[in-house]
Amino acid sequence: MIWCGDKPEPAFSEPWHAQVFAITVALNEAGHFEWSAWAERFGATLKAHGLAKELDGGEDYFNAWLETLEGFLAETGMAEVGALQHLKTAWTEAYLSTPHGQPVRLNPEA
């Protein structure tokens, strides 16, 4: 939490922002990459996205973070591109078919 005045403000605007950040930090702490290498790759992704439009530091920032992480996982062999795409598709389908206010659940068989 970030404190602003008397009330704490969330450090992340969406739960998935915190989750993708935590996964990246855990991979770094487990020795899968140096933080300086991550920062360089992420900076390149932000720069590429920033050429098309001004980034607002929220959703677009974490989409770029996720894109960088997915690329890193694929390049290092820690995840297959097809498996990542399958999970993204399954998540999108689950999200779109879940009634508002209900938890989204992935079908492990999908």
N, C-alpha and C. Protein backbone atom coordinates (compact mmCIF):
# COMPACT_ATOMS: atom_id res chain seq x y z
N MET A 1 0.82 -1.17 0.00
CA MET A 1 0.00 0.00 0.00
C MET A 1 0.88 1.25 0.00
N ILE A 2 0.40 2.25 -0.66
CA ILE A 2 1.05 3.55 -0.65
C ILE A 2 0.15 4.47 0.16
N TRP A 3 0.75 5.19 1.08
CA TRP A 3 -0.04 6.07 1.95
C TRP A 3 -0.12 7.46 1.34
N CYS A 4 -1.34 7.94 1.20
CA CYS A 4 -1.61 9.29 0.72
C CYS A 4 -2.52 9.95 1.75
N GLY A 5 -1.94 10.81 2.54
CA GLY A 5 -2.74 11.44 3.59
C GLY A 5 -3.08 10.43 4.66
N ASP A 6 -4.37 10.33 4.97
CA ASP A 6 -4.81 9.43 6.03
C ASP A 6 -5.17 8.03 5.54
N LYS A 7 -5.32 7.89 4.22
CA LYS A 7 -5.78 6.60 3.70
C LYS A 7 -4.72 5.95 2.81
N PRO A 8 -4.56 4.63 2.93
CA PRO A 8 -3.62 3.96 2.03
C PRO A 8 -4.23 3.84 0.63
N GLU A 9 -3.40 4.00 -0.37
CA GLU A 9 -3.82 3.83 -1.76
C GLU A 9 -3.17 2.54 -2.27
N PRO A 10 -3.89 1.77 -3.06
CA PRO A 10 -3.28 0.55 -3.58
C PRO A 10 -2.10 0.89 -4.50
N ALA A 11 -1.05 0.08 -4.40
CA ALA A 11 0.12 0.28 -5.25
C ALA A 11 -0.16 -0.16 -6.68
N PHE A 12 -1.12 -1.05 -6.86
CA PHE A 12 -1.49 -1.56 -8.17
C PHE A 12 -2.98 -1.33 -8.36
N SER A 13 -3.37 -0.91 -9.56
CA SER A 13 -4.79 -0.62 -9.77
C SER A 13 -5.61 -1.87 -10.05
N GLU A 14 -4.97 -2.96 -10.44
CA GLU A 14 -5.66 -4.22 -10.71
C GLU A 14 -4.90 -5.37 -10.08
N PRO A 15 -5.59 -6.40 -9.60
CA PRO A 15 -4.88 -7.54 -9.00
C PRO A 15 -3.87 -8.19 -9.95
N TRP A 16 -4.22 -8.28 -11.24
CA TRP A 16 -3.28 -8.94 -12.16
C TRP A 16 -2.00 -8.14 -12.32
N HIS A 17 -2.05 -6.82 -12.12
CA HIS A 17 -0.83 -6.01 -12.18
C HIS A 17 0.13 -6.47 -11.07
N ALA A 18 -0.39 -6.63 -9.88
CA ALA A 18 0.43 -7.08 -8.75
C ALA A 18 0.94 -8.50 -8.99
N GLN A 19 0.11 -9.35 -9.57
CA GLN A 19 0.50 -10.74 -9.80
C GLN A 19 1.63 -10.86 -10.82
N VAL A 20 1.51 -10.14 -11.94
CA VAL A 20 2.57 -10.24 -12.95
C VAL A 20 3.86 -9.60 -12.43
N PHE A 21 3.75 -8.57 -11.62
CA PHE A 21 4.92 -7.98 -10.99
C PHE A 21 5.57 -8.99 -10.05
N ALA A 22 4.76 -9.64 -9.21
CA ALA A 22 5.29 -10.61 -8.24
C ALA A 22 5.94 -11.80 -8.93
N ILE A 23 5.36 -12.28 -10.02
CA ILE A 23 5.96 -13.39 -10.76
C ILE A 23 7.33 -12.98 -11.28
N THR A 24 7.42 -11.78 -11.82
CA THR A 24 8.69 -11.30 -12.36
C THR A 24 9.74 -11.19 -11.26
N VAL A 25 9.36 -10.63 -10.12
CA VAL A 25 10.29 -10.51 -9.00
C VAL A 25 10.73 -11.89 -8.52
N ALA A 26 9.79 -12.83 -8.43
CA ALA A 26 10.13 -14.19 -7.98
C ALA A 26 11.12 -14.87 -8.94
N LEU A 27 10.92 -14.68 -10.24
CA LEU A 27 11.84 -15.26 -11.22
C LEU A 27 13.24 -14.65 -11.09
N ASN A 28 13.28 -13.34 -10.85
CA ASN A 28 14.56 -12.67 -10.63
C ASN A 28 15.23 -13.20 -9.37
N GLU A 29 14.48 -13.29 -8.28
CA GLU A 29 15.05 -13.76 -7.02
C GLU A 29 15.49 -15.21 -7.08
N ALA A 30 14.86 -16.00 -7.96
CA ALA A 30 15.25 -17.40 -8.14
C ALA A 30 16.47 -17.54 -9.06
N GLY A 31 16.96 -16.42 -9.58
CA GLY A 31 18.18 -16.44 -10.38
C GLY A 31 17.98 -16.69 -11.86
N HIS A 32 16.75 -16.55 -12.35
CA HIS A 32 16.50 -16.81 -13.77
C HIS A 32 16.95 -15.68 -14.67
N PHE A 33 17.14 -14.48 -14.12
CA PHE A 33 17.65 -13.36 -14.89
C PHE A 33 18.11 -12.27 -13.94
N GLU A 34 18.97 -11.40 -14.45
CA GLU A 34 19.42 -10.23 -13.69
C GLU A 34 18.41 -9.11 -13.87
N TRP A 35 18.19 -8.33 -12.82
CA TRP A 35 17.21 -7.26 -12.91
C TRP A 35 17.60 -6.23 -13.96
N SER A 36 18.89 -5.98 -14.13
CA SER A 36 19.33 -5.01 -15.14
C SER A 36 18.95 -5.49 -16.54
N ALA A 37 19.03 -6.79 -16.79
CA ALA A 37 18.62 -7.33 -18.10
C ALA A 37 17.11 -7.18 -18.27
N TRP A 38 16.36 -7.41 -17.19
CA TRP A 38 14.90 -7.22 -17.25
C TRP A 38 14.57 -5.76 -17.57
N ALA A 39 15.20 -4.85 -16.86
CA ALA A 39 14.92 -3.43 -17.04
C ALA A 39 15.22 -3.00 -18.48
N GLU A 40 16.29 -3.52 -19.05
CA GLU A 40 16.63 -3.19 -20.44
C GLU A 40 15.55 -3.70 -21.40
N ARG A 41 15.12 -4.93 -21.21
CA ARG A 41 14.09 -5.52 -22.08
C ARG A 41 12.75 -4.79 -21.93
N PHE A 42 12.40 -4.51 -20.69
CA PHE A 42 11.13 -3.83 -20.43
C PHE A 42 11.17 -2.41 -21.00
N GLY A 43 12.29 -1.74 -20.84
CA GLY A 43 12.44 -0.40 -21.39
C GLY A 43 12.27 -0.40 -22.91
N ALA A 44 12.80 -1.42 -23.57
CA ALA A 44 12.65 -1.52 -25.02
C ALA A 44 11.18 -1.72 -25.41
N THR A 45 10.47 -2.53 -24.62
CA THR A 45 9.04 -2.75 -24.90
C THR A 45 8.26 -1.46 -24.69
N LEU A 46 8.53 -0.75 -23.61
CA LEU A 46 7.85 0.52 -23.36
C LEU A 46 8.13 1.52 -24.47
N LYS A 47 9.37 1.57 -24.89
CA LYS A 47 9.73 2.50 -25.96
C LYS A 47 8.98 2.15 -27.24
N ALA A 48 8.91 0.87 -27.57
CA ALA A 48 8.21 0.45 -28.78
C ALA A 48 6.73 0.80 -28.71
N HIS A 49 6.12 0.60 -27.56
CA HIS A 49 4.70 0.94 -27.40
C HIS A 49 4.48 2.44 -27.35
N GLY A 50 5.42 3.17 -26.78
CA GLY A 50 5.30 4.60 -26.64
C GLY A 50 5.43 5.35 -27.96
N LEU A 51 5.97 4.69 -28.97
CA LEU A 51 6.08 5.33 -30.27
C LEU A 51 4.70 5.50 -30.90
N ALA A 52 3.77 4.60 -30.57
CA ALA A 52 2.44 4.65 -31.17
C ALA A 52 1.50 5.60 -30.41
N LYS A 53 1.71 5.73 -29.11
CA LYS A 53 0.83 6.58 -28.31
C LYS A 53 1.51 6.90 -26.99
N GLU A 54 1.02 7.89 -26.30
CA GLU A 54 1.55 8.22 -24.99
C GLU A 54 1.05 7.20 -23.98
N LEU A 55 1.96 6.64 -23.21
CA LEU A 55 1.59 5.64 -22.21
C LEU A 55 1.05 6.34 -20.97
N ASP A 56 0.03 5.74 -20.33
CA ASP A 56 -0.55 6.36 -19.14
C ASP A 56 -0.02 5.76 -17.84
N GLY A 57 0.79 4.71 -17.92
CA GLY A 57 1.38 4.13 -16.71
C GLY A 57 0.48 3.17 -15.98
N GLY A 58 -0.68 2.87 -16.50
CA GLY A 58 -1.60 1.93 -15.86
C GLY A 58 -1.69 0.64 -16.65
N GLU A 59 -2.85 0.44 -17.24
CA GLU A 59 -3.11 -0.79 -17.98
C GLU A 59 -2.09 -1.01 -19.10
N ASP A 60 -1.77 0.05 -19.84
CA ASP A 60 -0.81 -0.11 -20.93
C ASP A 60 0.57 -0.47 -20.41
N TYR A 61 0.95 0.07 -19.27
CA TYR A 61 2.24 -0.23 -18.65
C TYR A 61 2.33 -1.71 -18.30
N PHE A 62 1.28 -2.24 -17.68
CA PHE A 62 1.32 -3.64 -17.28
C PHE A 62 1.08 -4.59 -18.44
N ASN A 63 0.41 -4.15 -19.49
CA ASN A 63 0.34 -4.96 -20.70
C ASN A 63 1.73 -5.08 -21.32
N ALA A 64 2.48 -3.99 -21.31
CA ALA A 64 3.86 -4.03 -21.80
C ALA A 64 4.73 -4.91 -20.89
N TRP A 65 4.48 -4.84 -19.60
CA TRP A 65 5.22 -5.68 -18.64
C TRP A 65 4.95 -7.15 -18.95
N LEU A 66 3.68 -7.49 -19.14
CA LEU A 66 3.30 -8.87 -19.44
C LEU A 66 3.90 -9.32 -20.77
N GLU A 67 3.86 -8.46 -21.77
CA GLU A 67 4.44 -8.79 -23.07
C GLU A 67 5.93 -9.10 -22.92
N THR A 68 6.63 -8.29 -22.14
CA THR A 68 8.06 -8.50 -21.90
C THR A 68 8.29 -9.83 -21.19
N LEU A 69 7.49 -10.11 -20.18
CA LEU A 69 7.64 -11.37 -19.44
C LEU A 69 7.36 -12.57 -20.33
N GLU A 70 6.31 -12.50 -21.13
CA GLU A 70 6.00 -13.61 -22.04
C GLU A 70 7.15 -13.85 -23.02
N GLY A 71 7.69 -12.77 -23.57
CA GLY A 71 8.82 -12.90 -24.49
C GLY A 71 10.02 -13.50 -23.80
N PHE A 72 10.29 -13.07 -22.59
CA PHE A 72 11.41 -13.60 -21.83
C PHE A 72 11.22 -15.09 -21.56
N LEU A 73 10.02 -15.48 -21.12
CA LEU A 73 9.76 -16.89 -20.82
C LEU A 73 9.93 -17.76 -22.06
N ALA A 74 9.47 -17.26 -23.20
CA ALA A 74 9.59 -18.02 -24.45
C ALA A 74 11.05 -18.12 -24.89
N GLU A 75 11.77 -17.01 -24.83
CA GLU A 75 13.17 -16.99 -25.27
C GLU A 75 14.07 -17.87 -24.42
N THR A 76 13.77 -17.97 -23.14
CA THR A 76 14.61 -18.78 -22.25
C THR A 76 14.15 -20.23 -22.19
N GLY A 77 13.04 -20.56 -22.84
CA GLY A 77 12.54 -21.93 -22.82
C GLY A 77 11.77 -22.28 -21.56
N MET A 78 11.47 -21.29 -20.73
CA MET A 78 10.72 -21.56 -19.51
C MET A 78 9.24 -21.76 -19.80
N ALA A 79 8.80 -21.33 -20.97
CA ALA A 79 7.41 -21.55 -21.40
C ALA A 79 7.41 -21.57 -22.93
N GLU A 80 6.53 -22.38 -23.48
CA GLU A 80 6.40 -22.45 -24.93
C GLU A 80 5.41 -21.40 -25.40
N VAL A 81 5.71 -20.81 -26.55
CA VAL A 81 4.83 -19.78 -27.10
C VAL A 81 3.42 -20.32 -27.26
N GLY A 82 3.27 -21.54 -27.76
CA GLY A 82 1.95 -22.14 -27.94
C GLY A 82 1.20 -22.30 -26.63
N ALA A 83 1.92 -22.68 -25.58
CA ALA A 83 1.29 -22.84 -24.26
C ALA A 83 0.83 -21.49 -23.72
N LEU A 84 1.66 -20.46 -23.91
CA LEU A 84 1.26 -19.13 -23.47
C LEU A 84 0.03 -18.65 -24.22
N GLN A 85 0.00 -18.86 -25.52
CA GLN A 85 -1.15 -18.44 -26.32
C GLN A 85 -2.40 -19.21 -25.91
N HIS A 86 -2.25 -20.50 -25.64
CA HIS A 86 -3.39 -21.33 -25.20
C HIS A 86 -3.96 -20.78 -23.90
N LEU A 87 -3.10 -20.45 -22.95
CA LEU A 87 -3.57 -19.90 -21.67
C LEU A 87 -4.27 -18.56 -21.86
N LYS A 88 -3.72 -17.71 -22.72
CA LYS A 88 -4.35 -16.41 -22.97
C LYS A 88 -5.73 -16.59 -23.59
N THR A 89 -5.84 -17.51 -24.54
CA THR A 89 -7.13 -17.77 -25.18
C THR A 89 -8.12 -18.34 -24.17
N ALA A 90 -7.67 -19.30 -23.37
CA ALA A 90 -8.55 -19.91 -22.36
C ALA A 90 -9.00 -18.86 -21.35
N TRP A 91 -8.10 -17.99 -20.94
CA TRP A 91 -8.46 -16.95 -19.98
C TRP A 91 -9.48 -15.99 -20.59
N THR A 92 -9.27 -15.59 -21.82
CA THR A 92 -10.21 -14.68 -22.49
C THR A 92 -11.59 -15.31 -22.59
N GLU A 93 -11.65 -16.56 -23.00
CA GLU A 93 -12.93 -17.25 -23.11
C GLU A 93 -13.62 -17.37 -21.75
N ALA A 94 -12.85 -17.72 -20.72
CA ALA A 94 -13.42 -17.84 -19.38
C ALA A 94 -13.93 -16.49 -18.88
N TYR A 95 -13.15 -15.45 -19.11
CA TYR A 95 -13.52 -14.11 -18.67
C TYR A 95 -14.81 -13.66 -19.36
N LEU A 96 -14.88 -13.85 -20.67
CA LEU A 96 -16.04 -13.40 -21.43
C LEU A 96 -17.31 -14.19 -21.11
N SER A 97 -17.16 -15.42 -20.63
CA SER A 97 -18.33 -16.25 -20.34
C SER A 97 -18.72 -16.25 -18.86
N THR A 98 -17.99 -15.50 -18.04
CA THR A 98 -18.28 -15.44 -16.61
C THR A 98 -19.22 -14.28 -16.32
N PRO A 99 -20.32 -14.55 -15.61
CA PRO A 99 -21.23 -13.45 -15.24
C PRO A 99 -20.50 -12.40 -14.40
N HIS A 100 -20.90 -11.15 -14.60
CA HIS A 100 -20.29 -10.05 -13.87
C HIS A 100 -20.35 -10.30 -12.36
N GLY A 101 -19.24 -10.06 -11.70
CA GLY A 101 -19.18 -10.21 -10.25
C GLY A 101 -18.80 -11.59 -9.76
N GLN A 102 -18.75 -12.55 -10.68
CA GLN A 102 -18.38 -13.92 -10.31
C GLN A 102 -16.89 -14.13 -10.56
N PRO A 103 -16.28 -15.04 -9.81
CA PRO A 103 -14.85 -15.31 -10.07
C PRO A 103 -14.68 -16.02 -11.42
N VAL A 104 -13.63 -15.65 -12.09
CA VAL A 104 -13.30 -16.29 -13.37
C VAL A 104 -12.53 -17.57 -13.08
N ARG A 105 -12.97 -18.66 -13.69
CA ARG A 105 -12.32 -19.94 -13.49
C ARG A 105 -11.92 -20.52 -14.84
N LEU A 106 -10.68 -20.94 -14.93
CA LEU A 106 -10.21 -21.58 -16.15
C LEU A 106 -10.56 -23.05 -16.13
N ASN A 107 -10.94 -23.56 -17.28
CA ASN A 107 -11.19 -24.99 -17.43
C ASN A 107 -9.86 -25.64 -17.73
N PRO A 108 -9.33 -26.48 -16.81
CA PRO A 108 -8.00 -27.07 -17.04
C PRO A 108 -7.96 -27.98 -18.26
N GLU A 109 -9.10 -28.45 -18.72
CA GLU A 109 -9.15 -29.32 -19.88
C GLU A 109 -9.15 -28.55 -21.18
N ALA A 110 -9.45 -27.27 -21.12
CA ALA A 110 -9.60 -26.46 -22.35
C ALA A 110 -8.27 -26.26 -23.05
